[in-house]
């Protein structure tokens, strides 16, 4: 006869975990997880948990005699990203930068002129070309041979290299340009660097000032700061077009500022990100994005992705950066979980004291863990620090890390979910990859030729290309810095009252191979650290569920 089973049921905000234990031996016999149906504490979430319990019981041909659940207090979180506002470049404008296939090389500054109106002589001009590459190359070659003062070429179509290969002169050519936006400018500066090299002239504010100032505009004191901001935008690209006069950068169209309210008043997102590491949970009570209505939160985490990238000299391009936020929203009281689950399962259900208590009881069954260990439960929306005497919940977790990675790399959150997890490679050929430590590795399965040259991370169906701009070593530095800013900061805030003894890390993100070094960086010397292996067999995910199963065993 099959011995009766008990079930520990952990209904979380994102996933639901269940562990079945043998009521006779007290050992786990089956465990699994599923996505939580609907909101935590809703009838659908309880029905989904009950379905998982029944499925596991059928798997081991057993019968559940008793279940345990914790009071379901929904933890509502929100994640948002705010792009970096464009810098105020005054009467100067970065029209385009970092196109994928520029042509020629060098730098040219001149008056923008349509191809049909290029003069035979006179002051330097930048030719604006709207025709196809065959006609454009023939006409430009004839004009240059006749001595026309063409110092650069801007194309509407994506044909810069086709034109450059037929021109016979090292004129910088940039394609994919909005010619109408250029036509109204007084002067245009165009630079194309040699392959693999950064820009040299347009990243020099004095060069820009001299080139643009040697006209009827004269020197304007405000130009110094504006030109430095222009040059700063072009630090990691190999082609650019900068204009002066006409349509300057429109800072008046920027959204109203985003704000975070602290005990000392409202501050910017950048200031909130700087203050976060030392802010006590709940110190940030409200926030507003783009001048919208304030949103009340129980806690808030803010990551300045752009500042982090700049501090690492990360090759983030010209349009990345901004802020990633995660808010812990106020919630109502707990719902009667034992009543709901008992009705769904048709068996008695006991209600544990709290999820925090269950997490601690389950986590310390890790072999070698002391009974008074501090448990750090890393979740999708929050990080819970659980001690024997209570818990502290702070905003920030796996979802915030995903949002920050997506913002920093300029990829979707789906791609960021895979990219954040660990080391990536650069595909040198369909079968050869460079690791983050520089080692070369032959791949067991050839990759698509179109992925060659891309940074790629392990994905759901093989290697997933994520960026063509950066190398593996750069991504390693940025990835670890983002994890420190998100997970490390959350753990530090949760441990502000001090910590001694041993820290156990559990929860979904605890499976990240790099997470222990992140937590270690915020712990004082003399504190032990380890990843949970619940009951010596369940790994890092099932601390709450196993703690509840133990509560059910004790209630038999």
Protein backbone atom coordinates (compact mmCIF):
# COMPACT_ATOMS: atom_id res chain seq x y z
CA UNK A 1 0.00 0.00 0.00
CA UNK A 2 1.34 3.44 -0.95
CA UNK A 3 2.05 5.55 2.15
CA UNK A 4 0.09 8.80 2.49
CA UNK A 5 1.66 12.01 1.25
CA UNK A 6 1.73 15.58 2.49
CA UNK A 7 2.04 18.59 0.20
CA UNK A 8 3.80 21.89 0.70
CA UNK A 9 2.22 24.44 -1.62
CA UNK A 10 4.00 27.74 -2.34
CA UNK A 11 1.88 30.05 -4.49
CA UNK A 12 4.16 32.86 -5.59
CA UNK A 13 3.69 35.97 -7.69
CA UNK A 14 5.30 34.43 -10.77
CA UNK A 15 5.57 30.69 -10.13
CA UNK A 16 3.95 28.07 -7.92
CA UNK A 17 6.10 25.35 -6.36
CA UNK A 18 4.84 22.12 -4.78
CA UNK A 19 6.76 19.46 -2.87
CA UNK A 20 5.22 16.12 -1.88
CA UNK A 21 6.72 14.27 1.09
CA UNK A 22 6.28 10.72 2.33
CA UNK A 23 4.31 10.99 5.57
CA UNK A 24 6.11 7.93 6.95
CA UNK A 25 9.75 8.74 6.21
CA UNK A 26 9.48 12.52 6.01
CA UNK A 27 11.47 12.65 2.78
CA UNK A 28 10.55 14.47 -0.45
CA UNK A 29 9.24 12.16 -3.16
CA UNK A 30 8.10 14.56 -5.89
CA UNK A 31 8.38 18.25 -6.66
CA UNK A 32 7.66 20.57 -9.56
CA UNK A 33 6.71 24.14 -10.41
CA UNK A 34 4.41 25.94 -12.82
CA UNK A 35 3.49 29.48 -13.73
CA UNK A 36 1.04 31.02 -11.28
CA UNK A 37 -2.41 31.42 -12.81
CA UNK A 38 -3.62 34.98 -12.46
CA UNK A 39 -2.73 37.08 -9.43
CA UNK A 40 -1.33 35.48 -6.31
CA UNK A 41 -4.20 34.73 -3.92
CA UNK A 42 -6.86 34.71 -6.62
CA UNK A 43 -9.13 31.66 -7.02
CA UNK A 44 -7.40 30.80 -10.30
CA UNK A 45 -3.98 30.79 -8.61
CA UNK A 46 -5.24 28.33 -5.99
CA UNK A 47 -6.89 26.14 -8.63
CA UNK A 48 -3.61 26.04 -10.55
CA UNK A 49 -1.72 25.00 -7.41
CA UNK A 50 -4.27 22.26 -6.70
CA UNK A 51 -3.89 20.94 -10.24
CA UNK A 52 -0.12 20.72 -9.76
CA UNK A 53 -0.59 18.82 -6.47
CA UNK A 54 -2.87 16.29 -8.16
CA UNK A 55 -0.49 15.89 -11.10
CA UNK A 56 2.45 15.15 -8.81
CA UNK A 57 0.38 12.70 -6.76
CA UNK A 58 -0.52 10.79 -9.92
CA UNK A 59 3.12 10.78 -10.95
CA UNK A 60 4.09 8.82 -7.83
CA UNK A 61 0.79 6.89 -7.58
CA UNK A 62 0.12 8.38 -4.15
CA UNK A 63 -2.65 10.09 -2.23
CA UNK A 64 -2.30 13.44 -0.50
CA UNK A 65 -3.66 13.29 3.04
CA UNK A 66 -2.74 16.79 4.20
CA UNK A 67 -1.43 19.99 2.65
CA UNK A 68 0.09 23.17 4.02
CA UNK A 69 0.05 26.68 2.63
CA UNK A 70 1.14 30.07 3.89
CA UNK A 71 -1.12 33.14 4.12
CA UNK A 72 -1.23 34.55 0.61
CA UNK A 73 -0.25 38.19 0.73
CA UNK A 74 0.08 39.28 -2.90
CA UNK A 75 3.24 41.23 -3.64
CA UNK A 76 2.46 43.50 -6.56
CA UNK A 77 5.43 44.84 -8.41
CA UNK A 78 5.88 47.04 -11.44
CA UNK A 79 8.88 47.45 -13.71
CA UNK A 80 9.47 50.35 -16.08
CA UNK A 81 12.25 51.84 -18.15
CA UNK A 82 12.81 55.50 -18.89
CA UNK A 83 15.08 56.34 -21.86
CA UNK A 84 17.83 58.87 -21.35
CA UNK A 85 16.58 62.27 -22.53
CA UNK A 86 18.52 63.69 -25.48
CA UNK A 87 21.33 66.04 -24.46
CA UNK A 88 20.97 69.74 -25.13
CA UNK A 89 23.31 70.38 -28.05
CA UNK A 90 22.05 73.88 -28.77
CA UNK A 91 22.28 74.87 -32.42
CA UNK A 92 24.24 71.72 -33.26
CA UNK A 93 22.62 68.42 -34.12
CA UNK A 94 23.85 64.85 -34.45
CA UNK A 95 21.81 63.88 -37.49
CA UNK A 96 23.01 60.29 -37.66
CA UNK A 97 25.79 58.23 -36.16
CA UNK A 98 27.10 54.70 -36.42
CA UNK A 99 25.43 53.59 -39.66
CA UNK A 100 26.13 49.96 -40.45
CA UNK A 101 27.83 50.38 -43.85
CA UNK A 102 29.37 53.80 -44.53
CA UNK A 103 31.69 54.29 -47.48
CA UNK A 104 35.01 55.99 -48.07
CA UNK A 105 36.94 57.60 -45.25
CA UNK A 106 38.03 60.96 -43.92
CA UNK A 107 36.24 64.08 -42.78
CA UNK A 108 34.53 66.86 -44.68
CA UNK A 109 32.79 70.08 -43.64
CA UNK A 110 30.74 72.05 -46.09
CA UNK A 111 27.46 73.55 -47.15
CA UNK A 112 24.76 70.97 -47.98
CA UNK A 113 23.87 71.08 -51.68
CA UNK A 114 21.62 68.77 -53.76
CA UNK A 115 23.51 66.79 -56.40
CA UNK A 116 21.87 68.76 -59.21
CA UNK A 117 23.18 72.06 -57.76
CA UNK A 118 26.81 71.18 -56.96
CA UNK A 119 28.94 74.12 -58.16
CA UNK A 120 31.99 73.66 -60.36
CA UNK A 121 34.16 75.56 -57.86
CA UNK A 122 34.01 77.62 -54.72
CA UNK A 123 33.51 76.76 -51.05
CA UNK A 124 33.38 73.09 -49.94
CA UNK A 125 30.01 71.39 -50.27
CA UNK A 126 28.41 68.18 -49.04
CA UNK A 127 26.49 66.54 -51.87
CA UNK A 128 22.95 65.36 -51.07
CA UNK A 129 22.10 62.38 -53.30
CA UNK A 130 18.61 60.96 -53.81
CA UNK A 131 19.24 58.90 -56.99
CA UNK A 132 20.38 55.28 -57.29
CA UNK A 133 23.99 54.24 -56.83
CA UNK A 134 24.83 53.74 -60.53
CA UNK A 135 23.70 57.22 -61.56
CA UNK A 136 25.08 58.75 -58.37
CA UNK A 137 28.53 57.23 -58.79
CA UNK A 138 28.81 58.31 -62.42
CA UNK A 139 27.73 61.89 -61.76
CA UNK A 140 29.87 62.28 -58.62
CA UNK A 141 32.93 60.86 -60.38
CA UNK A 142 32.46 63.32 -63.22
CA UNK A 143 32.05 66.26 -60.84
CA UNK A 144 35.13 65.33 -58.80
CA UNK A 145 37.20 64.88 -61.95
CA UNK A 146 36.13 68.36 -63.04
CA UNK A 147 37.30 69.84 -59.73
CA UNK A 148 33.97 70.29 -57.98
CA UNK A 149 34.51 71.08 -54.24
CA UNK A 150 32.70 67.96 -52.92
CA UNK A 151 34.12 67.03 -49.50
CA UNK A 152 31.48 64.48 -48.43
CA UNK A 153 28.41 62.69 -49.75
CA UNK A 154 25.11 61.91 -48.02
CA UNK A 155 22.80 59.30 -49.55
CA UNK A 156 19.12 58.70 -48.94
CA UNK A 157 19.40 55.02 -49.92
CA UNK A 158 21.47 52.33 -48.17
CA UNK A 159 24.14 52.31 -50.88
CA UNK A 160 27.23 54.03 -49.45
CA UNK A 161 29.66 51.21 -50.19
CA UNK A 162 28.28 50.67 -53.68
CA UNK A 163 28.91 54.34 -54.46
CA UNK A 164 32.31 54.42 -52.72
CA UNK A 165 33.57 51.41 -54.68
CA UNK A 166 32.81 53.23 -57.95
CA UNK A 167 33.96 56.71 -56.98
CA UNK A 168 37.74 56.35 -57.05
CA UNK A 169 38.24 59.05 -54.39
CA UNK A 170 38.44 58.78 -50.56
CA UNK A 171 35.38 60.92 -49.88
CA UNK A 172 33.40 60.11 -46.70
CA UNK A 173 29.96 58.75 -47.61
CA UNK A 174 27.11 58.13 -45.17
CA UNK A 175 23.83 56.55 -46.22
CA UNK A 176 20.31 56.27 -44.84
CA UNK A 177 20.20 60.03 -44.24
CA UNK A 178 17.09 62.21 -44.07
CA UNK A 179 18.12 64.64 -46.81
CA UNK A 180 15.29 67.05 -46.04
CA UNK A 181 16.60 67.44 -42.50
CA UNK A 182 20.07 68.24 -43.81
CA UNK A 183 19.01 70.67 -46.52
CA UNK A 184 17.99 73.37 -44.06
CA UNK A 185 21.35 73.37 -42.26
CA UNK A 186 24.01 75.99 -42.75
CA UNK A 187 26.97 73.62 -42.49
CA UNK A 188 27.39 69.85 -42.29
CA UNK A 189 30.32 67.87 -40.90
CA UNK A 190 30.72 64.28 -42.08
CA UNK A 191 33.33 61.79 -40.90
CA UNK A 192 33.92 58.13 -41.69
CA UNK A 193 36.75 56.39 -39.85
CA UNK A 194 38.83 53.50 -41.12
CA UNK A 195 37.32 50.08 -40.33
CA UNK A 196 37.66 49.26 -36.65
CA UNK A 197 38.75 52.77 -35.69
CA UNK A 198 36.80 55.42 -33.74
CA UNK A 199 36.10 58.90 -35.04
CA UNK A 200 38.98 61.33 -34.58
CA UNK A 201 37.77 64.74 -35.73
CA UNK A 202 34.09 64.92 -34.79
CA UNK A 203 34.92 63.72 -31.27
CA UNK A 204 37.23 66.73 -30.86
CA UNK A 205 35.16 69.68 -29.57
CA UNK A 206 37.86 72.17 -30.54
CA UNK A 207 37.92 70.82 -34.09
CA UNK A 208 34.16 71.23 -34.28
CA UNK A 209 34.31 74.73 -32.84
CA UNK A 210 37.02 75.76 -35.28
CA UNK A 211 35.28 74.21 -38.27
CA UNK A 212 31.86 75.63 -37.53
CA UNK A 213 33.10 78.86 -35.97
CA UNK A 214 35.21 79.88 -38.96
CA UNK A 215 32.06 81.17 -40.60
CA UNK A 216 29.73 84.08 -40.11
CA UNK A 217 28.29 82.46 -36.96
CA UNK A 218 31.12 83.65 -34.72
CA UNK A 219 31.92 82.24 -31.31
CA UNK A 220 29.13 81.64 -28.79
CA UNK A 221 30.11 80.80 -25.19
CA UNK A 222 27.29 78.26 -24.84
CA UNK A 223 28.72 76.36 -27.80
CA UNK A 224 31.58 74.95 -25.73
CA UNK A 225 29.32 72.78 -23.59
CA UNK A 226 27.07 71.88 -26.52
CA UNK A 227 30.00 70.73 -28.65
CA UNK A 228 31.36 68.62 -25.82
CA UNK A 229 27.96 66.94 -25.58
CA UNK A 230 28.02 66.35 -29.34
CA UNK A 231 31.48 64.79 -29.15
CA UNK A 232 30.45 62.65 -26.20
CA UNK A 233 27.63 61.08 -28.23
CA UNK A 234 30.09 60.01 -30.93
CA UNK A 235 32.70 58.31 -28.75
CA UNK A 236 31.92 54.75 -29.87
CA UNK A 237 30.91 55.07 -33.51
CA UNK A 238 32.87 55.06 -36.74
CA UNK A 239 30.68 57.39 -38.80
CA UNK A 240 28.63 60.48 -38.06
CA UNK A 241 26.89 63.51 -39.53
CA UNK A 242 26.70 66.73 -37.49
CA UNK A 243 24.87 69.86 -38.60
CA UNK A 244 24.79 73.46 -37.44
CA UNK A 245 22.06 76.00 -38.07
CA UNK A 246 18.59 75.14 -39.27
CA UNK A 247 16.85 72.57 -37.05
CA UNK A 248 18.76 72.48 -33.78
CA UNK A 249 18.18 69.86 -31.17
CA UNK A 250 14.66 70.32 -29.82
CA UNK A 251 14.96 70.11 -26.05
CA UNK A 252 11.61 71.84 -25.62
CA UNK A 253 9.86 68.65 -26.78
CA UNK A 254 11.39 66.57 -24.00
CA UNK A 255 8.92 65.10 -21.50
CA UNK A 256 8.53 66.65 -18.11
CA UNK A 257 11.09 65.38 -15.62
CA UNK A 258 10.63 62.13 -13.76
CA UNK A 259 10.88 62.36 -9.97
CA UNK A 260 11.23 60.21 -6.88
CA UNK A 261 10.05 61.39 -3.47
CA UNK A 262 12.43 60.78 -0.57
CA UNK A 263 12.18 61.89 3.09
CA UNK A 264 14.11 65.00 2.03
CA UNK A 265 11.88 65.86 -0.91
CA UNK A 266 11.66 65.13 -4.62
CA UNK A 267 14.83 64.18 -6.50
CA UNK A 268 15.67 63.18 -10.06
CA UNK A 269 15.95 59.55 -11.16
CA UNK A 270 19.73 59.94 -11.37
CA UNK A 271 19.91 61.19 -7.78
CA UNK A 272 17.55 58.44 -6.58
CA UNK A 273 19.76 55.80 -8.20
CA UNK A 274 22.79 57.29 -6.47
CA UNK A 275 21.03 57.32 -3.07
CA UNK A 276 19.50 53.86 -3.37
CA UNK A 277 22.33 51.78 -1.89
CA UNK A 278 22.03 53.52 1.49
CA UNK A 279 18.25 54.06 1.46
CA UNK A 280 16.24 52.08 3.97
CA UNK A 281 13.36 50.02 2.56
CA UNK A 282 10.36 52.29 2.12
CA UNK A 283 12.42 55.47 1.99
CA UNK A 284 11.26 56.12 -1.59
CA UNK A 285 7.51 56.50 -1.11
CA UNK A 286 6.36 57.81 -4.50
CA UNK A 287 7.59 58.27 -8.04
CA UNK A 288 6.33 59.92 -11.21
CA UNK A 289 7.50 59.30 -14.77
CA UNK A 290 7.59 61.95 -17.49
CA UNK A 291 5.63 64.42 -15.41
CA UNK A 292 2.76 61.99 -14.81
CA UNK A 293 0.78 61.48 -11.62
CA UNK A 294 2.75 60.17 -8.63
CA UNK A 295 2.56 56.43 -7.95
CA UNK A 296 2.59 55.39 -4.30
CA UNK A 297 4.93 52.49 -3.51
CA UNK A 298 6.00 50.54 -0.45
CA UNK A 299 9.54 50.52 -1.85
CA UNK A 300 11.33 51.48 -5.06
CA UNK A 301 14.55 50.44 -6.79
CA UNK A 302 16.17 52.60 -9.50
CA UNK A 303 19.13 51.70 -11.72
CA UNK A 304 20.90 54.37 -13.78
CA UNK A 305 21.88 52.17 -16.72
CA UNK A 306 23.48 54.99 -18.69
CA UNK A 307 25.70 56.13 -15.83
CA UNK A 308 26.75 52.55 -15.16
CA UNK A 309 27.68 52.05 -18.81
CA UNK A 310 29.63 55.32 -18.87
CA UNK A 311 31.57 54.41 -15.72
CA UNK A 312 32.76 51.23 -17.45
CA UNK A 313 33.46 52.99 -20.77
CA UNK A 314 30.99 50.47 -22.16
CA UNK A 315 30.49 50.58 -25.91
CA UNK A 316 26.81 51.39 -25.58
CA UNK A 317 26.41 53.27 -28.88
CA UNK A 318 24.64 56.58 -29.22
CA UNK A 319 21.06 55.82 -28.18
CA UNK A 320 21.23 53.49 -25.18
CA UNK A 321 21.02 54.43 -21.53
CA UNK A 322 18.27 55.54 -19.23
CA UNK A 323 16.74 54.20 -16.04
CA UNK A 324 15.17 50.92 -14.99
CA UNK A 325 12.73 51.00 -12.07
CA UNK A 326 10.95 48.41 -9.95
CA UNK A 327 8.23 49.39 -7.52
CA UNK A 328 6.81 47.34 -4.66
CA UNK A 329 3.17 48.39 -4.62
CA UNK A 330 1.03 48.56 -1.47
CA UNK A 331 -1.12 45.46 -0.99
CA UNK A 332 -4.19 44.38 0.92
CA UNK A 333 -4.13 41.87 3.74
CA UNK A 334 -3.72 38.11 3.28
CA UNK A 335 -6.45 35.95 1.78
CA UNK A 336 -7.73 32.72 3.47
CA UNK A 337 -5.40 30.42 1.57
CA UNK A 338 -6.09 27.31 3.64
CA UNK A 339 -9.84 27.54 3.04
CA UNK A 340 -9.43 28.08 -0.70
CA UNK A 341 -6.87 25.31 -1.15
CA UNK A 342 -8.79 22.87 1.05
CA UNK A 343 -11.87 23.38 -1.08
CA UNK A 344 -9.87 22.88 -4.28
CA UNK A 345 -8.07 19.73 -3.07
CA UNK A 346 -10.75 18.16 -0.93
CA UNK A 347 -8.26 17.39 1.87
CA UNK A 348 -7.41 19.14 5.15
CA UNK A 349 -5.04 22.10 4.79
CA UNK A 350 -3.02 23.72 7.56
CA UNK A 351 -1.95 27.35 7.37
CA UNK A 352 1.63 28.15 8.32
CA UNK A 353 2.60 31.30 10.19
CA UNK A 354 4.06 33.07 7.15
CA UNK A 355 5.94 32.52 3.92
CA UNK A 356 9.04 33.98 5.58
CA UNK A 357 8.93 31.39 8.35
CA UNK A 358 8.46 28.59 5.83
CA UNK A 359 11.32 29.90 3.67
CA UNK A 360 13.67 29.92 6.63
CA UNK A 361 12.64 26.45 7.83
CA UNK A 362 13.05 25.04 4.33
CA UNK A 363 16.30 26.78 3.47
CA UNK A 364 18.18 25.68 6.59
CA UNK A 365 17.65 22.04 5.62
CA UNK A 366 20.53 22.66 3.22
CA UNK A 367 23.33 20.30 4.27
CA UNK A 368 25.81 22.15 6.48
CA UNK A 369 23.56 25.18 7.03
CA UNK A 370 23.22 26.42 10.64
CA UNK A 371 19.66 26.76 12.00
CA UNK A 372 20.08 30.52 12.55
CA UNK A 373 21.24 31.28 9.00
CA UNK A 374 19.99 34.43 7.28
CA UNK A 375 18.04 33.44 4.17
CA UNK A 376 18.13 35.69 1.10
CA UNK A 377 15.23 34.76 -1.18
CA UNK A 378 15.75 36.23 -4.65
CA UNK A 379 12.49 36.59 -6.53
CA UNK A 380 11.29 38.14 -9.75
CA UNK A 381 9.98 41.38 -8.24
CA UNK A 382 11.47 41.44 -4.74
CA UNK A 383 14.37 40.30 -2.61
CA UNK A 384 13.32 38.93 0.79
CA UNK A 385 15.84 38.79 3.63
CA UNK A 386 14.55 36.31 6.20
CA UNK A 387 15.92 35.92 9.71
CA UNK A 388 14.56 33.73 12.51
CA UNK A 389 12.96 36.84 14.02
CA UNK A 390 11.34 38.21 10.85
CA UNK A 391 11.75 39.35 7.26
CA UNK A 392 12.45 42.45 5.20
CA UNK A 393 11.15 42.82 1.65
CA UNK A 394 12.79 45.23 -0.81
CA UNK A 395 11.99 46.03 -4.42
CA UNK A 396 14.27 44.72 -7.11
CA UNK A 397 14.90 41.22 -8.38
CA UNK A 398 15.12 39.21 -11.56
CA UNK A 399 12.55 41.30 -13.44
CA UNK A 400 14.42 44.54 -12.75
CA UNK A 401 17.67 42.94 -13.91
CA UNK A 402 15.96 41.86 -17.13
CA UNK A 403 14.67 45.40 -17.72
CA UNK A 404 18.12 46.92 -17.09
CA UNK A 405 19.84 44.45 -19.44
CA UNK A 406 17.26 45.11 -22.16
CA UNK A 407 17.81 48.85 -21.82
CA UNK A 408 21.59 48.61 -21.76
CA UNK A 409 21.88 46.31 -24.76
CA UNK A 410 18.99 47.76 -26.73
CA UNK A 411 17.27 44.35 -27.03
CA UNK A 412 13.85 42.98 -26.16
CA UNK A 413 13.11 41.76 -22.65
CA UNK A 414 12.74 38.27 -24.04
CA UNK A 415 16.33 38.34 -25.33
CA UNK A 416 17.53 40.05 -22.15
CA UNK A 417 16.05 37.23 -20.05
CA UNK A 418 18.56 34.87 -21.65
CA UNK A 419 21.44 37.32 -22.00
CA UNK A 420 21.52 38.18 -18.29
CA UNK A 421 22.07 34.64 -17.10
CA UNK A 422 25.78 34.21 -17.68
CA UNK A 423 28.74 34.15 -20.08
CA UNK A 424 28.32 34.81 -23.78
CA UNK A 425 30.54 34.19 -26.79
CA UNK A 426 31.38 35.97 -30.02
CA UNK A 427 30.85 33.89 -33.14
CA UNK A 428 34.00 34.10 -35.27
CA UNK A 429 32.78 31.54 -37.83
CA UNK A 430 29.71 29.31 -37.90
CA UNK A 431 31.67 26.75 -35.86
CA UNK A 432 34.22 28.83 -33.90
CA UNK A 433 33.48 31.06 -30.91
CA UNK A 434 35.55 33.28 -28.61
CA UNK A 435 34.77 32.93 -24.90
CA UNK A 436 34.77 35.79 -22.39
CA UNK A 437 38.26 34.77 -21.22
CA UNK A 438 39.61 34.85 -24.78
CA UNK A 439 39.68 31.10 -25.35
CA UNK A 440 38.55 29.79 -28.72
CA UNK A 441 35.97 27.00 -28.75
CA UNK A 442 34.68 24.83 -31.57
CA UNK A 443 30.90 24.63 -31.48
CA UNK A 444 29.20 21.23 -31.64
CA UNK A 445 26.49 22.56 -33.98
CA UNK A 446 27.21 25.07 -36.80
CA UNK A 447 25.48 28.42 -36.37
CA UNK A 448 23.82 30.46 -39.08
CA UNK A 449 26.23 32.49 -41.19
CA UNK A 450 24.29 35.67 -40.43
CA UNK A 451 25.22 35.36 -36.75
CA UNK A 452 28.98 35.52 -37.41
CA UNK A 453 30.49 38.54 -35.66
CA UNK A 454 27.67 38.72 -33.11
CA UNK A 455 27.81 38.38 -29.37
CA UNK A 456 25.59 35.40 -28.58
CA UNK A 457 24.22 33.93 -25.37
CA UNK A 458 22.79 30.46 -24.72
CA UNK A 459 19.10 30.66 -25.59
CA UNK A 460 16.05 28.42 -25.73
CA UNK A 461 17.10 26.88 -29.07
CA UNK A 462 20.88 27.28 -29.17
CA UNK A 463 22.97 30.43 -29.27
CA UNK A 464 20.93 33.65 -29.37
CA UNK A 465 22.59 36.67 -31.10
CA UNK A 466 22.22 39.72 -28.86
CA UNK A 467 24.64 42.42 -30.05
CA UNK A 468 27.07 43.12 -32.85
CA UNK A 469 28.61 46.19 -31.17
CA UNK A 470 30.39 44.68 -28.18
CA UNK A 471 32.73 41.81 -27.39
CA UNK A 472 32.47 39.09 -24.76
CA UNK A 473 34.82 40.76 -22.28
CA UNK A 474 32.91 44.05 -22.46
CA UNK A 475 29.62 42.27 -21.91
CA UNK A 476 31.02 40.38 -18.92
CA UNK A 477 32.00 43.64 -17.19
CA UNK A 478 28.66 45.30 -17.90
CA UNK A 479 26.61 42.23 -16.96
CA UNK A 480 28.32 41.86 -13.58
CA UNK A 481 27.96 45.59 -12.92
CA UNK A 482 24.22 45.41 -13.65
CA UNK A 483 23.81 42.43 -11.34
CA UNK A 484 25.66 44.29 -8.61
CA UNK A 485 23.47 47.36 -9.12
CA UNK A 486 20.24 45.34 -8.99
CA UNK A 487 20.73 42.23 -6.85
CA UNK A 488 23.72 43.37 -4.83
CA UNK A 489 22.07 46.65 -3.89
CA UNK A 490 18.82 44.91 -2.90
CA UNK A 491 20.66 42.44 -0.66
CA UNK A 492 22.68 45.25 0.90
CA UNK A 493 19.49 47.18 1.70
CA UNK A 494 17.88 44.09 3.17
CA UNK A 495 20.86 43.54 5.46
CA UNK A 496 21.19 47.13 6.70
CA UNK A 497 20.68 46.05 10.31
CA UNK A 498 23.82 43.94 10.09
CA UNK A 499 24.47 40.25 9.58
CA UNK A 500 26.50 37.56 11.30
CA UNK A 501 26.76 33.83 10.89
CA UNK A 502 25.82 32.41 7.49
CA UNK A 503 23.80 33.71 4.55
CA UNK A 504 21.89 31.21 2.38
CA UNK A 505 20.75 32.32 -1.08
CA UNK A 506 17.59 30.70 -2.46
CA UNK A 507 14.94 31.51 -5.08
CA UNK A 508 14.87 31.41 -8.87
CA UNK A 509 17.72 33.87 -9.56
CA UNK A 510 19.89 31.94 -7.08
CA UNK A 511 20.51 29.46 -9.90
CA UNK A 512 22.58 32.13 -11.67
CA UNK A 513 26.21 30.96 -11.57
CA UNK A 514 27.37 34.51 -10.84
CA UNK A 515 24.98 35.36 -8.02
CA UNK A 516 27.15 34.23 -5.11
CA UNK A 517 29.98 36.60 -6.06
CA UNK A 518 27.42 39.42 -6.22
CA UNK A 519 26.09 38.69 -2.73
CA UNK A 520 29.59 38.10 -1.39
CA UNK A 521 30.60 41.63 -2.44
CA UNK A 522 28.08 43.20 0.00
CA UNK A 523 28.76 40.94 2.99
CA UNK A 524 31.24 41.80 5.75
CA UNK A 525 34.24 39.60 6.41
CA UNK A 526 33.59 36.65 8.66
CA UNK A 527 30.11 35.90 7.32
CA UNK A 528 29.51 32.52 5.71
CA UNK A 529 27.80 32.25 2.34
CA UNK A 530 26.22 29.48 0.30
CA UNK A 531 23.55 28.59 -2.22
CA UNK A 532 20.60 26.67 -0.83
CA UNK A 533 20.14 22.99 -1.62
CA UNK A 534 16.83 22.43 0.12
CA UNK A 535 16.54 19.04 1.86
CA UNK A 536 19.82 18.13 0.20
CA UNK A 537 17.97 17.28 -3.01
CA UNK A 538 15.59 20.03 -4.13
CA UNK A 539 18.12 22.66 -5.17
CA UNK A 540 17.67 26.39 -4.63
CA UNK A 541 14.02 26.94 -5.62
CA UNK A 542 11.86 25.03 -3.14
CA UNK A 543 12.68 26.56 0.26
CA UNK A 544 9.13 27.80 0.98
CA UNK A 545 7.43 24.70 -0.40
CA UNK A 546 9.62 22.34 1.63
CA UNK A 547 9.18 24.46 4.76
CA UNK A 548 5.42 24.11 4.28
CA UNK A 549 5.73 20.36 3.72
CA UNK A 550 7.58 20.11 7.04
CA UNK A 551 4.74 22.06 8.68
CA UNK A 552 2.27 19.54 7.27
CA UNK A 553 4.36 16.63 8.56
CA UNK A 554 4.42 18.21 12.02
CA UNK A 555 0.63 18.59 11.96
CA UNK A 556 -0.08 14.90 11.27
